[in-house]
Amino acid sequence: MTAANGFVRVCALSELEDDTPKRVEVGDTPVSIVRTEGEVFAINDICSHANVSLSEGEVEDCQIECWLHGSSFDLRTGKPSGLPATRPVPVYPVKIEGDDVLVSVTQES
């Protein structure tokens, strides 16, 4: 269900474990939802370097690491913090309404 503002419910907040990415699909867009440091982030789930799922990687210090080659991406900005990735991945706005986590993939931030 898409709200008028483009936000879609992707999961319950209670389903998220700290520092454990959860892969969801928003339409045709794969998204990794991450709860860390008291916040919830949504980042495109595909590594910009190797086309693999970021939700299979580790989360530490507000970064998600690609399991294949070790590039890390800032969950706030999508920018890579080290090689081999050089291109950022999209990040998406998140809203929390009660126990619902909502994401808008139409409003990249």
N, C-alpha and C. Protein backbone atom coordinates (compact mmCIF):
# COMPACT_ATOMS: atom_id res chain seq x y z
N MET A 1 0.84 -1.18 0.00
CA MET A 1 0.00 0.00 0.00
C MET A 1 0.88 1.24 0.00
N THR A 2 0.71 2.12 -0.95
CA THR A 2 1.48 3.34 -1.04
C THR A 2 0.64 4.51 -0.58
N ALA A 3 1.20 5.29 0.32
CA ALA A 3 0.51 6.48 0.77
C ALA A 3 0.69 7.58 -0.27
N ALA A 4 -0.10 8.63 -0.14
CA ALA A 4 -0.04 9.73 -1.10
C ALA A 4 1.34 10.38 -1.15
N ASN A 5 2.06 10.33 -0.04
CA ASN A 5 3.39 10.95 0.00
C ASN A 5 4.50 10.02 -0.49
N GLY A 6 4.15 8.84 -1.00
CA GLY A 6 5.14 7.93 -1.56
C GLY A 6 5.72 6.93 -0.57
N PHE A 7 5.35 7.02 0.70
CA PHE A 7 5.89 6.09 1.70
C PHE A 7 5.11 4.79 1.70
N VAL A 8 5.84 3.68 1.84
CA VAL A 8 5.27 2.34 1.83
C VAL A 8 5.71 1.62 3.10
N ARG A 9 4.79 0.89 3.74
CA ARG A 9 5.17 0.10 4.91
C ARG A 9 6.02 -1.08 4.43
N VAL A 10 7.19 -1.25 5.05
CA VAL A 10 8.08 -2.33 4.63
C VAL A 10 8.23 -3.43 5.67
N CYS A 11 8.03 -3.08 6.95
CA CYS A 11 8.13 -4.08 8.01
C CYS A 11 7.69 -3.44 9.32
N ALA A 12 7.68 -4.25 10.36
CA ALA A 12 7.41 -3.74 11.70
C ALA A 12 8.74 -3.39 12.36
N LEU A 13 8.74 -2.33 13.13
CA LEU A 13 9.94 -1.93 13.85
C LEU A 13 10.41 -3.05 14.76
N SER A 14 9.46 -3.77 15.34
CA SER A 14 9.80 -4.86 16.26
C SER A 14 10.47 -6.04 15.55
N GLU A 15 10.39 -6.10 14.22
CA GLU A 15 11.06 -7.16 13.46
C GLU A 15 12.55 -6.91 13.29
N LEU A 16 12.99 -5.68 13.51
CA LEU A 16 14.38 -5.31 13.25
C LEU A 16 15.26 -5.54 14.46
N GLU A 17 16.36 -6.26 14.26
CA GLU A 17 17.36 -6.43 15.29
C GLU A 17 18.47 -5.42 15.05
N ASP A 18 19.01 -4.87 16.13
CA ASP A 18 20.09 -3.89 15.99
C ASP A 18 21.24 -4.47 15.18
N ASP A 19 21.73 -3.67 14.24
CA ASP A 19 22.91 -4.00 13.43
C ASP A 19 22.74 -5.26 12.58
N THR A 20 21.48 -5.63 12.29
CA THR A 20 21.21 -6.78 11.43
C THR A 20 20.34 -6.33 10.26
N PRO A 21 20.91 -6.19 9.06
CA PRO A 21 20.14 -5.72 7.91
C PRO A 21 18.98 -6.65 7.56
N LYS A 22 17.90 -6.06 7.08
CA LYS A 22 16.73 -6.83 6.61
C LYS A 22 16.45 -6.38 5.18
N ARG A 23 16.45 -7.34 4.27
CA ARG A 23 16.16 -7.03 2.86
C ARG A 23 14.65 -7.02 2.64
N VAL A 24 14.18 -5.97 1.97
CA VAL A 24 12.77 -5.86 1.59
C VAL A 24 12.72 -5.41 0.14
N GLU A 25 11.57 -5.56 -0.47
CA GLU A 25 11.35 -5.06 -1.83
C GLU A 25 10.31 -3.96 -1.75
N VAL A 26 10.61 -2.82 -2.34
CA VAL A 26 9.65 -1.73 -2.45
C VAL A 26 9.39 -1.58 -3.95
N GLY A 27 8.28 -2.16 -4.40
CA GLY A 27 8.06 -2.25 -5.83
C GLY A 27 9.13 -3.14 -6.42
N ASP A 28 9.89 -2.61 -7.39
CA ASP A 28 10.99 -3.36 -7.99
C ASP A 28 12.34 -3.02 -7.38
N THR A 29 12.34 -2.23 -6.30
CA THR A 29 13.59 -1.76 -5.71
C THR A 29 13.97 -2.59 -4.49
N PRO A 30 15.14 -3.25 -4.52
CA PRO A 30 15.62 -3.96 -3.34
C PRO A 30 16.21 -2.96 -2.34
N VAL A 31 15.76 -3.06 -1.10
CA VAL A 31 16.17 -2.11 -0.06
C VAL A 31 16.64 -2.88 1.16
N SER A 32 17.70 -2.40 1.77
CA SER A 32 18.17 -2.95 3.03
C SER A 32 17.75 -2.00 4.14
N ILE A 33 17.01 -2.53 5.11
CA ILE A 33 16.57 -1.75 6.26
C ILE A 33 17.49 -2.09 7.42
N VAL A 34 18.05 -1.06 8.06
CA VAL A 34 19.01 -1.29 9.14
C VAL A 34 18.64 -0.43 10.35
N ARG A 35 18.55 -1.08 11.50
CA ARG A 35 18.36 -0.38 12.77
C ARG A 35 19.70 -0.38 13.48
N THR A 36 20.24 0.82 13.70
CA THR A 36 21.54 0.94 14.36
C THR A 36 21.63 2.30 15.03
N GLU A 37 22.35 2.35 16.12
CA GLU A 37 22.58 3.60 16.85
C GLU A 37 21.28 4.35 17.13
N GLY A 38 20.20 3.60 17.39
CA GLY A 38 18.93 4.21 17.75
C GLY A 38 18.13 4.78 16.59
N GLU A 39 18.58 4.56 15.36
CA GLU A 39 17.88 5.06 14.18
C GLU A 39 17.62 3.91 13.20
N VAL A 40 16.71 4.16 12.25
CA VAL A 40 16.44 3.19 11.20
C VAL A 40 16.80 3.83 9.86
N PHE A 41 17.54 3.11 9.05
CA PHE A 41 18.00 3.60 7.76
C PHE A 41 17.52 2.68 6.65
N ALA A 42 17.36 3.25 5.46
CA ALA A 42 17.01 2.48 4.26
C ALA A 42 18.02 2.83 3.18
N ILE A 43 18.66 1.81 2.64
CA ILE A 43 19.69 2.00 1.62
C ILE A 43 19.45 0.97 0.53
N ASN A 44 19.74 1.35 -0.70
CA ASN A 44 19.58 0.40 -1.80
C ASN A 44 20.41 -0.84 -1.48
N ASP A 45 19.82 -2.01 -1.70
CA ASP A 45 20.45 -3.25 -1.26
C ASP A 45 21.51 -3.77 -2.22
N ILE A 46 21.77 -3.09 -3.31
CA ILE A 46 22.73 -3.60 -4.29
C ILE A 46 24.03 -2.78 -4.27
N CYS A 47 25.13 -3.45 -4.02
CA CYS A 47 26.44 -2.80 -3.98
C CYS A 47 26.74 -2.17 -5.34
N SER A 48 27.23 -0.95 -5.32
CA SER A 48 27.52 -0.24 -6.57
C SER A 48 28.76 -0.78 -7.28
N HIS A 49 29.51 -1.62 -6.60
CA HIS A 49 30.73 -2.17 -7.20
C HIS A 49 30.50 -3.55 -7.82
N ALA A 50 29.80 -4.43 -7.09
CA ALA A 50 29.76 -5.82 -7.54
C ALA A 50 28.37 -6.41 -7.72
N ASN A 51 27.33 -5.59 -7.62
CA ASN A 51 25.97 -6.05 -7.87
C ASN A 51 25.57 -7.24 -6.98
N VAL A 52 25.93 -7.17 -5.69
CA VAL A 52 25.52 -8.19 -4.72
C VAL A 52 24.73 -7.52 -3.60
N SER A 53 24.03 -8.33 -2.81
CA SER A 53 23.15 -7.83 -1.76
C SER A 53 23.94 -7.31 -0.55
N LEU A 54 23.72 -6.03 -0.23
CA LEU A 54 24.38 -5.45 0.94
C LEU A 54 23.79 -5.99 2.24
N SER A 55 22.53 -6.44 2.21
CA SER A 55 21.90 -6.91 3.44
C SER A 55 22.53 -8.19 3.97
N GLU A 56 23.40 -8.80 3.20
CA GLU A 56 24.13 -9.97 3.67
C GLU A 56 25.44 -9.59 4.37
N GLY A 57 25.71 -8.29 4.44
CA GLY A 57 26.96 -7.82 5.04
C GLY A 57 26.81 -7.44 6.51
N GLU A 58 27.90 -6.96 7.07
CA GLU A 58 27.96 -6.56 8.47
C GLU A 58 27.67 -5.07 8.61
N VAL A 59 27.13 -4.69 9.78
CA VAL A 59 26.86 -3.29 10.10
C VAL A 59 27.70 -2.90 11.30
N GLU A 60 28.42 -1.77 11.17
CA GLU A 60 29.22 -1.26 12.28
C GLU A 60 29.46 0.23 12.06
N ASP A 61 29.35 1.02 13.13
CA ASP A 61 29.62 2.46 13.07
C ASP A 61 28.82 3.16 11.97
N CYS A 62 27.54 2.83 11.86
CA CYS A 62 26.63 3.44 10.88
C CYS A 62 27.08 3.21 9.43
N GLN A 63 27.75 2.07 9.21
CA GLN A 63 28.19 1.67 7.88
C GLN A 63 27.72 0.24 7.63
N ILE A 64 27.44 -0.06 6.37
CA ILE A 64 27.13 -1.43 5.98
C ILE A 64 28.23 -1.89 5.03
N GLU A 65 28.76 -3.08 5.30
CA GLU A 65 29.89 -3.58 4.52
C GLU A 65 29.41 -4.63 3.52
N CYS A 66 29.86 -4.51 2.29
CA CYS A 66 29.58 -5.51 1.28
C CYS A 66 30.41 -6.76 1.61
N TRP A 67 29.75 -7.89 1.69
CA TRP A 67 30.42 -9.13 2.09
C TRP A 67 31.40 -9.64 1.04
N LEU A 68 31.23 -9.23 -0.23
CA LEU A 68 32.05 -9.81 -1.28
C LEU A 68 33.47 -9.23 -1.34
N HIS A 69 33.58 -7.90 -1.38
CA HIS A 69 34.90 -7.28 -1.51
C HIS A 69 35.25 -6.32 -0.38
N GLY A 70 34.33 -6.15 0.58
CA GLY A 70 34.67 -5.37 1.76
C GLY A 70 34.44 -3.88 1.68
N SER A 71 33.84 -3.36 0.61
CA SER A 71 33.52 -1.94 0.59
C SER A 71 32.44 -1.64 1.61
N SER A 72 32.56 -0.50 2.28
CA SER A 72 31.55 -0.09 3.25
C SER A 72 30.86 1.16 2.75
N PHE A 73 29.56 1.27 3.07
CA PHE A 73 28.76 2.43 2.65
C PHE A 73 28.14 3.06 3.88
N ASP A 74 28.18 4.40 3.94
CA ASP A 74 27.56 5.14 5.03
C ASP A 74 26.04 5.01 4.93
N LEU A 75 25.40 4.56 5.99
CA LEU A 75 23.94 4.37 5.96
C LEU A 75 23.19 5.69 5.84
N ARG A 76 23.83 6.80 6.23
CA ARG A 76 23.18 8.12 6.17
C ARG A 76 23.26 8.73 4.78
N THR A 77 24.36 8.48 4.06
CA THR A 77 24.59 9.16 2.78
C THR A 77 24.70 8.22 1.59
N GLY A 78 25.00 6.96 1.83
CA GLY A 78 25.22 6.00 0.75
C GLY A 78 26.61 6.05 0.16
N LYS A 79 27.45 6.97 0.66
CA LYS A 79 28.80 7.11 0.10
C LYS A 79 29.71 5.98 0.56
N PRO A 80 30.53 5.47 -0.37
CA PRO A 80 31.49 4.43 0.01
C PRO A 80 32.62 5.03 0.83
N SER A 81 33.13 4.25 1.78
CA SER A 81 34.23 4.75 2.60
C SER A 81 35.55 4.11 2.24
N GLY A 82 35.53 3.24 1.24
CA GLY A 82 36.78 2.62 0.83
C GLY A 82 36.61 1.82 -0.44
N LEU A 83 37.72 1.54 -1.06
CA LEU A 83 37.73 0.77 -2.30
C LEU A 83 37.33 -0.67 -2.01
N PRO A 84 36.86 -1.42 -3.01
CA PRO A 84 36.88 -1.07 -4.42
C PRO A 84 35.70 -0.21 -4.89
N ALA A 85 34.66 -0.03 -4.08
CA ALA A 85 33.53 0.79 -4.52
C ALA A 85 33.93 2.26 -4.59
N THR A 86 33.50 2.94 -5.64
CA THR A 86 33.78 4.37 -5.79
C THR A 86 32.49 5.17 -5.97
N ARG A 87 31.37 4.49 -6.25
CA ARG A 87 30.09 5.18 -6.46
C ARG A 87 29.17 4.94 -5.27
N PRO A 88 28.44 5.96 -4.85
CA PRO A 88 27.49 5.77 -3.74
C PRO A 88 26.30 4.93 -4.18
N VAL A 89 25.56 4.43 -3.20
CA VAL A 89 24.29 3.75 -3.45
C VAL A 89 23.19 4.65 -2.90
N PRO A 90 22.00 4.61 -3.49
CA PRO A 90 20.92 5.47 -3.04
C PRO A 90 20.48 5.15 -1.60
N VAL A 91 20.17 6.20 -0.86
CA VAL A 91 19.54 6.05 0.44
C VAL A 91 18.14 6.65 0.34
N TYR A 92 17.24 6.17 1.19
CA TYR A 92 15.84 6.56 1.09
C TYR A 92 15.33 7.07 2.43
N PRO A 93 14.38 8.01 2.40
CA PRO A 93 13.79 8.51 3.64
C PRO A 93 12.98 7.42 4.35
N VAL A 94 13.04 7.45 5.67
CA VAL A 94 12.33 6.49 6.51
C VAL A 94 11.44 7.26 7.48
N LYS A 95 10.24 6.73 7.71
CA LYS A 95 9.34 7.25 8.74
C LYS A 95 8.95 6.08 9.64
N ILE A 96 8.83 6.37 10.92
CA ILE A 96 8.34 5.38 11.87
C ILE A 96 6.99 5.87 12.36
N GLU A 97 5.97 5.04 12.18
CA GLU A 97 4.63 5.36 12.66
C GLU A 97 4.15 4.20 13.52
N GLY A 98 4.19 4.40 14.84
CA GLY A 98 3.88 3.31 15.75
C GLY A 98 4.94 2.23 15.61
N ASP A 99 4.51 1.01 15.22
CA ASP A 99 5.45 -0.09 15.00
C ASP A 99 5.73 -0.29 13.51
N ASP A 100 5.24 0.61 12.67
CA ASP A 100 5.43 0.47 11.23
C ASP A 100 6.65 1.25 10.74
N VAL A 101 7.46 0.60 9.91
CA VAL A 101 8.58 1.25 9.25
C VAL A 101 8.14 1.54 7.82
N LEU A 102 8.16 2.81 7.44
CA LEU A 102 7.76 3.21 6.09
C LEU A 102 8.95 3.81 5.36
N VAL A 103 9.06 3.49 4.07
CA VAL A 103 10.16 3.95 3.22
C VAL A 103 9.59 4.53 1.94
N SER A 104 10.22 5.57 1.45
CA SER A 104 9.86 6.13 0.14
C SER A 104 11.04 5.99 -0.80
N VAL A 105 10.89 5.18 -1.85
CA VAL A 105 11.97 5.05 -2.83
C VAL A 105 11.84 6.09 -3.93
N THR A 106 10.78 6.89 -3.88
CA THR A 106 10.62 7.95 -4.88
C THR A 106 11.28 9.25 -4.44
N GLN A 107 11.70 9.30 -3.18
CA GLN A 107 12.30 10.53 -2.64
C GLN A 107 13.71 10.22 -2.12
N GLU A 108 14.64 10.03 -3.01
CA GLU A 108 16.02 9.76 -2.57
C GLU A 108 16.55 10.96 -1.81
N SER A 109 17.30 10.67 -0.77
CA SER A 109 17.88 11.78 0.01
C SER A 109 19.39 11.72 -0.07
